PDB file of N, CA and C in Angstrom:
ATOM      1  N   UNK A   1       0.847  -1.176   0.000  1.00  0.00           N
ATOM      2  CA  UNK A   1       0.000   0.000   0.000  1.00  0.00           C
ATOM      3  C   UNK A   1       0.890   1.234   0.000  1.00  0.00           C
ATOM      4  N   UNK A   2       0.528   2.204  -0.805  1.00  0.00           N
ATOM      5  CA  UNK A   2       1.287   3.438  -0.910  1.00  0.00           C
ATOM      6  C   UNK A   2       0.843   4.419   0.162  1.00  0.00           C
ATOM      7  N   UNK A   3       1.488   5.576   0.177  1.00  0.00           N
ATOM      8  CA  UNK A   3       1.125   6.618   1.124  1.00  0.00           C
ATOM      9  C   UNK A   3      -0.178   7.290   0.753  1.00  0.00           C
ATOM     10  N   UNK A   4      -0.462   8.354   1.441  1.00  0.00           N
ATOM     11  CA  UNK A   4      -1.697   9.098   1.212  1.00  0.00           C
ATOM     12  C   UNK A   4      -1.600   9.947  -0.048  1.00  0.00           C
ATOM     13  N   UNK A   5      -2.728  10.065  -0.733  1.00  0.00           N
ATOM     14  CA  UNK A   5      -2.836  10.916  -1.915  1.00  0.00           C
ATOM     15  C   UNK A   5      -3.824  12.022  -1.576  1.00  0.00           C
ATOM     16  N   UNK A   6      -3.414  13.242  -1.826  1.00  0.00           N
ATOM     17  CA  UNK A   6      -4.235  14.395  -1.463  1.00  0.00           C
ATOM     18  C   UNK A   6      -4.945  14.941  -2.700  1.00  0.00           C
ATOM     19  N   UNK A   7      -6.249  15.205  -2.542  1.00  0.00           N
ATOM     20  CA  UNK A   7      -7.054  15.861  -3.570  1.00  0.00           C
ATOM     21  C   UNK A   7      -7.662  17.110  -2.939  1.00  0.00           C
ATOM     22  N   UNK A   8      -7.741  18.172  -3.705  1.00  0.00           N
ATOM     23  CA  UNK A   8      -8.335  19.419  -3.224  1.00  0.00           C
ATOM     24  C   UNK A   8      -9.704  19.616  -3.857  1.00  0.00           C
ATOM     25  N   UNK A   9     -10.625  20.148  -3.062  1.00  0.00           N
ATOM     26  CA  UNK A   9     -11.997  20.369  -3.498  1.00  0.00           C
ATOM     27  C   UNK A   9     -12.483  21.710  -2.980  1.00  0.00           C
ATOM     28  N   UNK A  10     -13.507  22.225  -3.628  1.00  0.00           N
ATOM     29  CA  UNK A  10     -14.195  23.408  -3.142  1.00  0.00           C
ATOM     30  C   UNK A  10     -15.526  22.932  -2.567  1.00  0.00           C
ATOM     31  N   UNK A  11     -15.680  23.066  -1.271  1.00  0.00           N
ATOM     32  CA  UNK A  11     -16.885  22.603  -0.584  1.00  0.00           C
ATOM     33  C   UNK A  11     -17.540  23.783   0.128  1.00  0.00           C
ATOM     34  N   UNK A  12     -18.764  24.049  -0.215  1.00  0.00           N
ATOM     35  CA  UNK A  12     -19.512  25.157   0.390  1.00  0.00           C
ATOM     36  C   UNK A  12     -18.728  26.463   0.278  1.00  0.00           C
ATOM     37  N   UNK A  13     -18.066  26.649  -0.853  1.00  0.00           N
ATOM     38  CA  UNK A  13     -17.346  27.887  -1.093  1.00  0.00           C
ATOM     39  C   UNK A  13     -15.963  27.974  -0.473  1.00  0.00           C
ATOM     40  N   UNK A  14     -15.514  26.903   0.149  1.00  0.00           N
ATOM     41  CA  UNK A  14     -14.197  26.892   0.788  1.00  0.00           C
ATOM     42  C   UNK A  14     -13.338  25.787   0.185  1.00  0.00           C
ATOM     43  N   UNK A  15     -12.064  26.064  -0.028  1.00  0.00           N
ATOM     44  CA  UNK A  15     -11.139  25.049  -0.520  1.00  0.00           C
ATOM     45  C   UNK A  15     -10.719  24.169   0.644  1.00  0.00           C
ATOM     46  N   UNK A  16     -10.687  22.877   0.396  1.00  0.00           N
ATOM     47  CA  UNK A  16     -10.220  21.926   1.399  1.00  0.00           C
ATOM     48  C   UNK A  16      -9.496  20.799   0.695  1.00  0.00           C
ATOM     49  N   UNK A  17      -8.618  20.153   1.401  1.00  0.00           N
ATOM     50  CA  UNK A  17      -7.887  19.008   0.870  1.00  0.00           C
ATOM     51  C   UNK A  17      -8.210  17.784   1.701  1.00  0.00           C
ATOM     52  N   UNK A  18      -8.277  16.661   1.022  1.00  0.00           N
ATOM     53  CA  UNK A  18      -8.537  15.382   1.690  1.00  0.00           C
ATOM     54  C   UNK A  18      -7.432  14.417   1.279  1.00  0.00           C
ATOM     55  N   UNK A  19      -6.829  13.788   2.249  1.00  0.00           N
ATOM     56  CA  UNK A  19      -5.772  12.815   1.993  1.00  0.00           C
ATOM     57  C   UNK A  19      -6.271  11.423   2.354  1.00  0.00           C
ATOM     58  N   UNK A  20      -6.282  10.537   1.357  1.00  0.00           N
ATOM     59  CA  UNK A  20      -6.696   9.145   1.549  1.00  0.00           C
ATOM     60  C   UNK A  20      -5.713   8.230   0.839  1.00  0.00           C
ATOM     61  N   UNK A  21      -5.753   6.979   1.209  1.00  0.00           N
ATOM     62  CA  UNK A  21      -4.953   5.976   0.528  1.00  0.00           C
ATOM     63  C   UNK A  21      -5.473   5.787  -0.889  1.00  0.00           C
ATOM     64  N   UNK A  22      -4.592   5.426  -1.794  1.00  0.00           N
ATOM     65  CA  UNK A  22      -4.952   5.253  -3.205  1.00  0.00           C
ATOM     66  C   UNK A  22      -6.131   4.308  -3.383  1.00  0.00           C
ATOM     67  N   UNK A  23      -6.178   3.243  -2.612  1.00  0.00           N
ATOM     68  CA  UNK A  23      -7.242   2.257  -2.744  1.00  0.00           C
ATOM     69  C   UNK A  23      -8.624   2.863  -2.510  1.00  0.00           C
ATOM     70  N   UNK A  24      -8.727   3.798  -1.578  1.00  0.00           N
ATOM     71  CA  UNK A  24     -10.009   4.464  -1.326  1.00  0.00           C
ATOM     72  C   UNK A  24     -10.380   5.378  -2.482  1.00  0.00           C
ATOM     73  N   UNK A  25      -9.400   6.107  -3.025  1.00  0.00           N
ATOM     74  CA  UNK A  25      -9.684   6.977  -4.164  1.00  0.00           C
ATOM     75  C   UNK A  25     -10.173   6.178  -5.359  1.00  0.00           C
ATOM     76  N   UNK A  26      -9.615   5.002  -5.578  1.00  0.00           N
ATOM     77  CA  UNK A  26     -10.042   4.158  -6.699  1.00  0.00           C
ATOM     78  C   UNK A  26     -11.520   3.804  -6.558  1.00  0.00           C
ATOM     79  N   UNK A  27     -11.923   3.374  -5.377  1.00  0.00           N
ATOM     80  CA  UNK A  27     -13.323   3.003  -5.146  1.00  0.00           C
ATOM     81  C   UNK A  27     -14.225   4.228  -5.264  1.00  0.00           C
ATOM     82  N   UNK A  28     -13.819   5.353  -4.721  1.00  0.00           N
ATOM     83  CA  UNK A  28     -14.636   6.561  -4.795  1.00  0.00           C
ATOM     84  C   UNK A  28     -14.800   7.035  -6.237  1.00  0.00           C
ATOM     85  N   UNK A  29     -13.753   6.944  -7.030  1.00  0.00           N
ATOM     86  CA  UNK A  29     -13.859   7.297  -8.452  1.00  0.00           C
ATOM     87  C   UNK A  29     -14.817   6.364  -9.182  1.00  0.00           C
ATOM     88  N   UNK A  30     -14.756   5.078  -8.867  1.00  0.00           N
ATOM     89  CA  UNK A  30     -15.688   4.113  -9.470  1.00  0.00           C
ATOM     90  C   UNK A  30     -17.117   4.448  -9.084  1.00  0.00           C
ATOM     91  N   UNK A  31     -17.329   4.776  -7.816  1.00  0.00           N
ATOM     92  CA  UNK A  31     -18.670   5.140  -7.346  1.00  0.00           C
ATOM     93  C   UNK A  31     -19.191   6.344  -8.111  1.00  0.00           C
ATOM     94  N   UNK A  32     -18.365   7.354  -8.249  1.00  0.00           N
ATOM     95  CA  UNK A  32     -18.781   8.570  -8.948  1.00  0.00           C
ATOM     96  C   UNK A  32     -19.147   8.255 -10.396  1.00  0.00           C
ATOM     97  N   UNK A  33     -18.354   7.427 -11.055  1.00  0.00           N
ATOM     98  CA  UNK A  33     -18.632   7.057 -12.444  1.00  0.00           C
ATOM     99  C   UNK A  33     -19.954   6.319 -12.561  1.00  0.00           C
ATOM    100  N   UNK A  34     -20.196   5.372 -11.669  1.00  0.00           N
ATOM    101  CA  UNK A  34     -21.441   4.602 -11.693  1.00  0.00           C
ATOM    102  C   UNK A  34     -22.639   5.532 -11.484  1.00  0.00           C
ATOM    103  N   UNK A  35     -22.478   6.519 -10.643  1.00  0.00           N
ATOM    104  CA  UNK A  35     -23.569   7.468 -10.352  1.00  0.00           C
ATOM    105  C   UNK A  35     -23.685   8.569 -11.404  1.00  0.00           C
ATOM    106  N   UNK A  36     -22.736   8.614 -12.316  1.00  0.00           N
ATOM    107  CA  UNK A  36     -22.753   9.646 -13.338  1.00  0.00           C
ATOM    108  C   UNK A  36     -22.428  11.024 -12.800  1.00  0.00           C
ATOM    109  N   UNK A  37     -21.552  11.075 -11.814  1.00  0.00           N
ATOM    110  CA  UNK A  37     -21.179  12.357 -11.233  1.00  0.00           C
ATOM    111  C   UNK A  37     -19.661  12.469 -11.141  1.00  0.00           C
ATOM    112  N   UNK A  38     -19.199  13.647 -10.895  1.00  0.00           N
ATOM    113  CA  UNK A  38     -17.765  13.856 -10.725  1.00  0.00           C
ATOM    114  C   UNK A  38     -17.347  13.436  -9.318  1.00  0.00           C
ATOM    115  N   UNK A  39     -16.051  13.242  -9.153  1.00  0.00           N
ATOM    116  CA  UNK A  39     -15.524  12.943  -7.822  1.00  0.00           C
ATOM    117  C   UNK A  39     -15.824  14.105  -6.883  1.00  0.00           C
ATOM    118  N   UNK A  40     -15.688  15.326  -7.379  1.00  0.00           N
ATOM    119  CA  UNK A  40     -15.972  16.502  -6.555  1.00  0.00           C
ATOM    120  C   UNK A  40     -17.422  16.515  -6.078  1.00  0.00           C
ATOM    121  N   UNK A  41     -18.343  16.117  -6.947  1.00  0.00           N
ATOM    122  CA  UNK A  41     -19.758  16.073  -6.561  1.00  0.00           C
ATOM    123  C   UNK A  41     -20.004  15.007  -5.499  1.00  0.00           C
ATOM    124  N   UNK A  42     -19.358  13.858  -5.650  1.00  0.00           N
ATOM    125  CA  UNK A  42     -19.490  12.789  -4.653  1.00  0.00           C
ATOM    126  C   UNK A  42     -18.948  13.244  -3.301  1.00  0.00           C
ATOM    127  N   UNK A  43     -17.812  13.906  -3.315  1.00  0.00           N
ATOM    128  CA  UNK A  43     -17.215  14.402  -2.068  1.00  0.00           C
ATOM    129  C   UNK A  43     -18.114  15.468  -1.442  1.00  0.00           C
ATOM    130  N   UNK A  44     -18.649  16.373  -2.253  1.00  0.00           N
ATOM    131  CA  UNK A  44     -19.537  17.413  -1.731  1.00  0.00           C
ATOM    132  C   UNK A  44     -20.801  16.808  -1.123  1.00  0.00           C
ATOM    133  N   UNK A  45     -21.352  15.801  -1.785  1.00  0.00           N
ATOM    134  CA  UNK A  45     -22.544  15.115  -1.267  1.00  0.00           C
ATOM    135  C   UNK A  45     -22.244  14.466   0.074  1.00  0.00           C
ATOM    136  N   UNK A  46     -21.099  13.809   0.163  1.00  0.00           N
ATOM    137  CA  UNK A  46     -20.686  13.151   1.406  1.00  0.00           C
ATOM    138  C   UNK A  46     -20.447  14.177   2.501  1.00  0.00           C
ATOM    139  N   UNK A  47     -19.835  15.289   2.148  1.00  0.00           N
ATOM    140  CA  UNK A  47     -19.582  16.353   3.117  1.00  0.00           C
ATOM    141  C   UNK A  47     -20.889  16.886   3.687  1.00  0.00           C
ATOM    142  N   UNK A  48     -21.880  17.064   2.830  1.00  0.00           N
ATOM    143  CA  UNK A  48     -23.166  17.586   3.280  1.00  0.00           C
ATOM    144  C   UNK A  48     -23.957  16.625   4.145  1.00  0.00           C
ATOM    145  N   UNK A  49     -23.690  15.333   3.985  1.00  0.00           N
ATOM    146  CA  UNK A  49     -24.455  14.318   4.716  1.00  0.00           C
ATOM    147  C   UNK A  49     -23.796  13.871   6.021  1.00  0.00           C
ATOM    148  N   UNK A  50     -22.539  14.227   6.211  1.00  0.00           N
ATOM    149  CA  UNK A  50     -21.831  13.719   7.404  1.00  0.00           C
ATOM    150  C   UNK A  50     -22.209  14.510   8.641  1.00  0.00           C
ATOM    151  N   UNK A  51     -22.038  13.861   9.778  1.00  0.00           N
ATOM    152  CA  UNK A  51     -22.303  14.523  11.046  1.00  0.00           C
ATOM    153  C   UNK A  51     -21.168  15.463  11.414  1.00  0.00           C
ATOM    154  N   UNK A  52     -21.418  16.398  12.302  1.00  0.00           N
ATOM    155  CA  UNK A  52     -20.406  17.388  12.671  1.00  0.00           C
ATOM    156  C   UNK A  52     -19.196  16.791  13.395  1.00  0.00           C
ATOM    157  N   UNK A  53     -19.354  15.618  13.960  1.00  0.00           N
ATOM    158  CA  UNK A  53     -18.256  15.003  14.705  1.00  0.00           C
ATOM    159  C   UNK A  53     -17.461  13.997  13.886  1.00  0.00           C
ATOM    160  N   UNK A  54     -17.804  13.831  12.606  1.00  0.00           N
ATOM    161  CA  UNK A  54     -17.081  12.876  11.775  1.00  0.00           C
ATOM    162  C   UNK A  54     -16.264  13.622  10.731  1.00  0.00           C
ATOM    163  N   UNK A  55     -14.957  13.429  10.723  1.00  0.00           N
ATOM    164  CA  UNK A  55     -14.119  14.072   9.712  1.00  0.00           C
ATOM    165  C   UNK A  55     -14.492  13.613   8.299  1.00  0.00           C
ATOM    166  N   UNK A  56     -14.274  14.480   7.330  1.00  0.00           N
ATOM    167  CA  UNK A  56     -14.603  14.160   5.949  1.00  0.00           C
ATOM    168  C   UNK A  56     -13.832  12.941   5.462  1.00  0.00           C
ATOM    169  N   UNK A  57     -12.565  12.859   5.783  1.00  0.00           N
ATOM    170  CA  UNK A  57     -11.766  11.704   5.343  1.00  0.00           C
ATOM    171  C   UNK A  57     -12.365  10.399   5.872  1.00  0.00           C
ATOM    172  N   UNK A  58     -12.783  10.392   7.112  1.00  0.00           N
ATOM    173  CA  UNK A  58     -13.399   9.192   7.690  1.00  0.00           C
ATOM    174  C   UNK A  58     -14.704   8.862   6.986  1.00  0.00           C
ATOM    175  N   UNK A  59     -15.503   9.878   6.706  1.00  0.00           N
ATOM    176  CA  UNK A  59     -16.773   9.658   6.005  1.00  0.00           C
ATOM    177  C   UNK A  59     -16.544   9.060   4.621  1.00  0.00           C
ATOM    178  N   UNK A  60     -15.527   9.536   3.922  1.00  0.00           N
ATOM    179  CA  UNK A  60     -15.223   9.005   2.595  1.00  0.00           C
ATOM    180  C   UNK A  60     -14.706   7.566   2.667  1.00  0.00           C
ATOM    181  N   UNK A  61     -13.901   7.263   3.659  1.00  0.00           N
ATOM    182  CA  UNK A  61     -13.417   5.884   3.819  1.00  0.00           C
ATOM    183  C   UNK A  61     -14.581   4.929   4.090  1.00  0.00           C
ATOM    184  N   UNK A  62     -15.493   5.346   4.957  1.00  0.00           N
ATOM    185  CA  UNK A  62     -16.655   4.506   5.280  1.00  0.00           C
ATOM    186  C   UNK A  62     -17.536   4.327   4.049  1.00  0.00           C
ATOM    187  N   UNK A  63     -17.759   5.388   3.290  1.00  0.00           N
ATOM    188  CA  UNK A  63     -18.546   5.304   2.064  1.00  0.00           C
ATOM    189  C   UNK A  63     -17.914   4.308   1.089  1.00  0.00           C
ATOM    190  N   UNK A  64     -16.617   4.407   0.897  1.00  0.00           N
ATOM    191  CA  UNK A  64     -15.910   3.496  -0.010  1.00  0.00           C
ATOM    192  C   UNK A  64     -15.973   2.063   0.479  1.00  0.00           C
ATOM    193  N   UNK A  65     -15.805   1.878   1.772  1.00  0.00           N
ATOM    194  CA  UNK A  65     -15.853   0.529   2.336  1.00  0.00           C
ATOM    195  C   UNK A  65     -17.228  -0.097   2.160  1.00  0.00           C
ATOM    196  N   UNK A  66     -18.277   0.670   2.458  1.00  0.00           N
ATOM    197  CA  UNK A  66     -19.637   0.145   2.278  1.00  0.00           C
ATOM    198  C   UNK A  66     -19.905  -0.223   0.827  1.00  0.00           C
ATOM    199  N   UNK A  67     -19.458   0.623  -0.080  1.00  0.00           N
ATOM    200  CA  UNK A  67     -19.645   0.353  -1.512  1.00  0.00           C
ATOM    201  C   UNK A  67     -18.896  -0.919  -1.913  1.00  0.00           C
ATOM    202  N   UNK A  68     -17.676  -1.050  -1.444  1.00  0.00           N
ATOM    203  CA  UNK A  68     -16.873  -2.232  -1.795  1.00  0.00           C
ATOM    204  C   UNK A  68     -17.499  -3.499  -1.238  1.00  0.00           C
ATOM    205  N   UNK A  69     -18.073  -3.442  -0.061  1.00  0.00           N
ATOM    206  CA  UNK A  69     -18.694  -4.631   0.533  1.00  0.00           C
ATOM    207  C   UNK A  69     -19.966  -5.033  -0.206  1.00  0.00           C
ATOM    208  N   UNK A  70     -20.711  -4.052  -0.684  1.00  0.00           N
ATOM    209  CA  UNK A  70     -21.965  -4.320  -1.385  1.00  0.00           C
ATOM    210  C   UNK A  70     -21.710  -4.871  -2.781  1.00  0.00           C
ATOM    211  N   UNK A  71     -20.674  -4.399  -3.419  1.00  0.00           N
ATOM    212  CA  UNK A  71     -20.426  -4.767  -4.820  1.00  0.00           C
ATOM    213  C   UNK A  71     -19.483  -5.942  -4.998  1.00  0.00           C
ATOM    214  N   UNK A  72     -19.049  -6.552  -3.949  1.00  0.00           N
ATOM    215  CA  UNK A  72     -18.127  -7.685  -4.130  1.00  0.00           C
ATOM    216  C   UNK A  72     -18.842  -8.969  -4.376  1.00  0.00           C
TER     217      UNK A  72
END
């Protein structure tokens, strides 16, 4: 497994960066493609749905994990 890969996004008018392992980015990109949306849109949707006590990176990892478990 490689190190973290950082992607930058504009969320609610603010720039933010998220660092995840490559394997999570691969699954998130696949999810976005299946849904017909951009990675940025998927991240923004996840950001809007997460609770205030859950970091965005954690929310994205959980989303990717759930998707991987359902589609295997």
